[in-house]
Protein backbone atom coordinates (compact mmCIF):
# COMPACT_ATOMS: atom_id res chain seq x y z
CA MET A 1 -81.77 -73.54 65.28
CA ASP A 2 -79.80 -74.67 62.24
CA ASP A 3 -77.98 -77.98 62.41
CA GLU A 4 -76.03 -80.33 60.21
CA GLY A 5 -77.37 -83.77 59.31
CA ASN A 6 -76.00 -87.02 58.01
CA GLY A 7 -78.01 -89.61 56.15
CA ALA A 8 -77.62 -93.37 56.19
CA GLY A 9 -74.04 -94.46 55.77
CA GLY A 10 -72.72 -91.04 56.77
CA ALA A 11 -73.80 -89.33 53.52
CA GLN A 12 -73.76 -85.57 53.97
CA GLN A 13 -77.23 -84.09 54.15
CA PRO A 14 -78.30 -80.44 54.02
CA PRO A 15 -78.47 -78.53 57.31
CA GLY A 16 -81.94 -77.79 58.60
CA GLY A 17 -84.11 -76.11 61.18
CA ASP A 18 -87.59 -74.99 62.15
CA PHE A 19 -89.79 -72.14 60.93
CA GLU A 20 -88.13 -69.55 63.16
CA ALA A 21 -84.76 -70.51 61.67
CA ALA A 22 -86.32 -70.29 58.19
CA VAL A 23 -87.42 -66.69 58.76
CA ALA A 24 -83.94 -65.75 60.00
CA ARG A 25 -82.33 -67.44 57.00
CA ALA A 26 -84.65 -65.67 54.54
CA LEU A 27 -83.86 -62.30 56.13
CA ARG A 28 -80.13 -63.03 55.92
CA LEU A 29 -80.54 -63.79 52.23
CA LEU A 30 -82.31 -60.48 51.79
CA ASN A 31 -80.16 -58.23 53.95
CA GLY A 32 -77.06 -60.01 55.18
CA ARG A 33 -73.67 -60.74 53.77
CA GLU A 34 -75.21 -63.58 51.78
CA GLY A 35 -77.44 -61.07 50.02
CA ARG A 36 -77.02 -60.10 46.40
CA LYS A 37 -78.00 -57.21 44.21
CA GLY A 38 -81.36 -57.31 42.50
CA ARG A 39 -84.38 -59.39 43.28
CA ILE A 40 -83.89 -62.62 45.23
CA LEU A 41 -85.82 -65.78 44.42
CA LEU A 42 -86.12 -68.37 47.17
CA GLY A 43 -87.42 -71.81 46.22
CA LEU A 44 -89.21 -74.39 48.37
CA ALA A 45 -89.38 -77.99 47.17
CA GLY A 46 -90.98 -80.95 48.89
CA PRO A 47 -93.47 -83.78 48.48
CA PRO A 48 -97.25 -83.28 48.29
CA ALA A 49 -98.83 -81.95 51.52
CA ALA A 50 -95.50 -81.25 53.23
CA GLY A 51 -96.70 -77.71 53.95
CA LYS A 52 -94.92 -75.76 51.20
CA SER A 53 -97.71 -73.29 50.49
CA THR A 54 -98.21 -72.62 54.21
CA VAL A 55 -94.48 -72.02 54.69
CA ALA A 56 -94.31 -69.75 51.65
CA GLY A 57 -97.29 -67.69 52.81
CA ARG A 58 -95.93 -67.30 56.32
CA LEU A 59 -92.45 -66.40 55.08
CA VAL A 60 -93.87 -63.69 52.84
CA GLU A 61 -96.02 -62.44 55.72
CA GLU A 62 -93.05 -62.26 58.10
CA VAL A 63 -90.75 -60.54 55.62
CA VAL A 64 -93.42 -57.97 54.81
CA ARG A 65 -94.00 -57.35 58.51
CA ARG A 66 -90.30 -56.71 59.11
CA GLU A 67 -89.21 -55.14 55.82
CA GLY A 68 -92.28 -53.19 54.72
CA PRO A 69 -95.30 -53.53 52.40
CA GLU A 70 -94.80 -55.58 49.24
CA SER A 71 -91.14 -56.29 50.07
CA ALA A 72 -91.88 -59.98 49.44
CA ALA A 73 -94.27 -61.88 47.15
CA TYR A 74 -95.44 -65.42 46.46
CA LEU A 75 -95.24 -67.38 43.20
CA PRO A 76 -96.63 -70.95 43.35
CA LEU A 77 -95.85 -73.66 40.83
CA ASP A 78 -99.42 -74.90 41.33
CA GLY A 79 -100.63 -72.01 39.17
CA PHE A 80 -99.04 -73.87 36.27
CA HIS A 81 -101.18 -76.98 36.62
CA LEU A 82 -102.60 -77.87 33.22
CA SER A 83 -106.33 -77.21 33.05
CA ASN A 84 -108.71 -80.14 33.30
CA THR A 85 -109.50 -79.62 29.60
CA GLN A 86 -105.86 -80.17 28.70
CA LEU A 87 -105.48 -83.08 31.12
CA ASP A 88 -108.49 -84.76 29.52
CA ARG A 89 -107.03 -84.17 26.06
CA LEU A 90 -103.76 -85.78 27.15
CA GLY A 91 -105.41 -88.59 29.12
CA LEU A 92 -103.71 -87.41 32.32
CA ARG A 93 -106.61 -86.44 34.60
CA ASP A 94 -105.86 -89.35 36.96
CA ARG A 95 -102.21 -88.25 37.14
CA LYS A 96 -102.97 -84.66 38.14
CA GLY A 97 -100.06 -83.43 40.24
CA ALA A 98 -97.44 -85.58 38.49
CA PRO A 99 -94.56 -83.78 36.74
CA GLU A 100 -96.08 -84.15 33.28
CA THR A 101 -99.29 -82.37 34.36
CA PHE A 102 -97.60 -78.96 34.79
CA ASP A 103 -96.64 -76.32 32.25
CA ALA A 104 -93.06 -76.44 33.55
CA TRP A 105 -91.64 -74.40 30.69
CA GLY A 106 -94.23 -71.68 31.30
CA TYR A 107 -93.19 -71.61 34.95
CA LEU A 108 -89.53 -71.28 33.93
CA ALA A 109 -90.39 -68.42 31.58
CA LEU A 110 -92.18 -66.53 34.34
CA LEU A 111 -89.26 -67.03 36.74
CA GLY A 112 -87.01 -65.53 34.10
CA ARG A 113 -89.28 -62.53 33.74
CA VAL A 114 -89.45 -62.06 37.52
CA THR A 115 -85.66 -62.09 37.60
CA ALA A 116 -85.17 -59.63 34.73
CA ASP A 117 -88.19 -57.29 34.74
CA ARG A 118 -87.94 -54.78 37.58
CA PHE A 119 -90.02 -51.99 36.05
CA ARG A 120 -93.52 -53.49 35.65
CA ASP A 121 -95.94 -55.47 37.75
CA VAL A 122 -95.55 -59.19 37.09
CA TYR A 123 -98.67 -61.29 37.63
CA ALA A 124 -98.54 -64.94 38.68
CA PRO A 125 -101.28 -67.59 38.50
CA ASP A 126 -102.47 -69.79 41.37
CA PHE A 127 -104.46 -72.99 41.78
CA ASP A 128 -107.99 -72.87 43.17
CA ARG A 129 -108.79 -76.05 45.07
CA GLU A 130 -112.52 -75.37 45.07
CA LEU A 131 -112.57 -75.00 41.28
CA ASP A 132 -109.87 -77.67 40.89
CA GLU A 133 -108.37 -75.43 38.19
CA PRO A 134 -105.54 -72.90 37.78
CA VAL A 135 -106.57 -69.24 37.90
CA ALA A 136 -104.72 -66.35 36.27
CA ALA A 137 -103.09 -63.35 37.95
CA ARG A 138 -104.01 -64.05 41.57
CA HIS A 139 -100.56 -62.93 42.75
CA VAL A 140 -98.53 -59.87 41.80
CA ILE A 141 -94.83 -59.09 42.09
CA ARG A 142 -94.37 -55.33 42.26
CA PRO A 143 -91.32 -53.50 40.85
CA HIS A 144 -90.05 -52.79 44.39
CA THR A 145 -90.54 -56.39 45.61
CA ARG A 146 -87.16 -57.67 46.74
CA LEU A 147 -87.87 -61.30 47.69
CA VAL A 148 -90.02 -63.77 45.76
CA VAL A 149 -90.82 -67.07 47.48
CA THR A 150 -91.74 -69.76 44.97
CA GLU A 151 -92.72 -73.30 45.87
CA GLY A 152 -93.62 -76.54 44.19
CA ASN A 153 -93.11 -80.27 44.32
CA TYR A 154 -90.54 -80.51 41.57
CA LEU A 155 -88.18 -77.56 41.98
CA ALA A 156 -85.33 -79.94 42.91
CA ALA A 157 -86.12 -82.52 40.21
CA PRO A 158 -83.27 -83.47 37.84
CA ALA A 159 -85.30 -83.57 34.61
CA ASP A 160 -85.58 -80.55 32.30
CA PRO A 161 -86.51 -77.76 32.77
CA TRP A 162 -86.11 -77.86 36.56
CA PRO A 163 -82.31 -77.41 36.68
CA ALA A 164 -82.69 -74.24 34.61
CA ALA A 165 -85.31 -72.98 37.06
CA ARG A 166 -83.07 -73.78 39.99
CA ARG A 167 -80.25 -71.68 38.53
CA LEU A 168 -82.48 -68.63 38.94
CA LEU A 169 -82.91 -69.29 42.68
CA ALA A 170 -80.68 -67.85 45.38
CA GLU A 171 -81.41 -70.94 47.49
CA LEU A 172 -83.59 -74.01 47.29
CA TRP A 173 -85.00 -75.45 50.53
CA PHE A 174 -86.66 -78.80 51.11
CA VAL A 175 -89.84 -78.70 53.20
CA GLU A 176 -90.04 -81.96 55.12
CA ALA A 177 -92.92 -83.62 56.98
CA ASP A 178 -93.31 -87.25 57.98
CA ASP A 179 -95.25 -89.55 55.68
CA THR A 180 -98.05 -90.19 58.19
CA THR A 181 -98.74 -86.47 58.57
CA ARG A 182 -98.69 -85.95 54.83
CA ALA A 183 -101.05 -88.87 54.24
CA GLU A 184 -103.54 -87.42 56.74
CA ARG A 185 -103.36 -84.02 55.03
CA LEU A 186 -103.82 -85.58 51.60
CA LEU A 187 -106.81 -87.59 52.77
CA HIS A 188 -108.39 -84.42 54.18
CA ARG A 189 -107.62 -82.54 50.96
CA HIS A 190 -109.19 -85.15 48.69
CA ARG A 191 -112.23 -85.63 50.92
CA ALA A 192 -112.75 -81.85 50.96
CA GLY A 193 -112.65 -81.99 47.15
CA GLY A 194 -115.61 -84.38 47.12
CA ARG A 195 -113.95 -87.80 46.93
CA SER A 196 -115.11 -90.71 49.03
CA ARG A 197 -112.65 -92.08 51.56
CA GLU A 198 -112.01 -95.11 49.34
CA ASP A 199 -111.39 -92.99 46.24
CA ALA A 200 -109.14 -90.64 48.21
CA LEU A 201 -107.02 -93.48 49.56
CA ALA A 202 -106.75 -95.01 46.09
CA ARG A 203 -105.57 -91.69 44.64
CA ILE A 204 -102.98 -91.27 47.38
CA ALA A 205 -101.62 -94.76 46.72
CA ALA A 206 -101.62 -94.53 42.92
CA ASN A 207 -100.57 -90.91 42.40
CA ASP A 208 -99.59 -88.83 45.43
CA HIS A 209 -97.33 -91.45 47.00
CA PRO A 210 -95.17 -92.16 43.91
CA ASN A 211 -94.95 -88.43 43.19
CA GLY A 212 -93.79 -87.86 46.75
CA GLU A 213 -91.14 -90.57 46.57
CA TYR A 214 -89.79 -89.02 43.38
CA VAL A 215 -89.56 -85.61 45.07
CA LYS A 216 -87.95 -86.99 48.24
CA ALA A 217 -85.10 -88.48 46.21
CA ALA A 218 -83.79 -84.93 45.59
CA ARG A 219 -83.72 -83.90 49.27
CA ALA A 220 -79.93 -84.12 49.54
CA ASP A 221 -79.52 -81.77 46.57
CA CYS A 222 -81.25 -78.88 48.36
CA ASP A 223 -79.43 -76.15 50.28
CA TRP A 224 -81.39 -76.40 53.53
CA VAL A 225 -84.21 -78.44 55.10
CA LEU A 226 -87.20 -76.94 56.90
CA ARG A 227 -88.66 -79.49 59.27
CA ALA A 228 -92.35 -78.76 59.08
CA ALA A 229 -93.80 -80.95 61.82
CA HIS A 230 -95.38 -78.00 63.63
CA LEU A 231 -96.09 -75.24 61.17
CA PRO A 232 -97.83 -72.03 62.20
CA PRO A 233 -101.34 -71.54 60.80
CA ALA A 234 -101.68 -70.35 57.20
CA PRO A 235 -102.17 -66.56 56.81
CA ASP A 236 -105.77 -67.07 55.65
CA GLY A 237 -106.57 -69.30 58.62
CA ARG A 238 -106.82 -72.51 56.60
CA SER A 239 -105.14 -75.73 57.62
CA VAL A 240 -101.68 -76.63 56.40
CA LEU A 241 -101.54 -77.61 52.74
């Protein structure tokens, strides 16, 4: 169920709900009185390991199940990670995942094309955790796709070009999970990538945590909050990411 929330000191906070409420809200955007002509872009922001990619995948899966094949598609910001070659050139390998390690302007350009180009397939990159590199054209938005779910840490960030990206979105949601849960997920993620426990914990403290705090500061600027404490499994059977 949706509900209203107030932060410390009575500051107005976005309403929020669970995954079932998220599906209903997405369908209202697509088909209800809140709907609009043309393709609808729905954005999901949130700190690292909050569950954004899992939510996006499940939302697309549910919309397709109810609205028909290819009615919804997925476009992750993670596909716009700079390659390790470029990170090494810039001296940013240890900051991978920070705002400056993404091709944010390239992401904005693709969002613009998704919004305007309704007559050709539009391909979107992804990030391969096993390769630890972005990969081209893993996702496709078909001409008849009506809803595109895009997610990434920094969609609510105030620095350029994120406000321009946000203006292309019908709504921007904040995916929220408690810090303990996120830390456990991050530790699992880094260990699965080959890091020792000590190296993983050091990376979380030096990189993932400050990135997450930066993202969380924009929570109140989002339209709605999805509380992701108990997410359904990812469509491919993997754990929440």
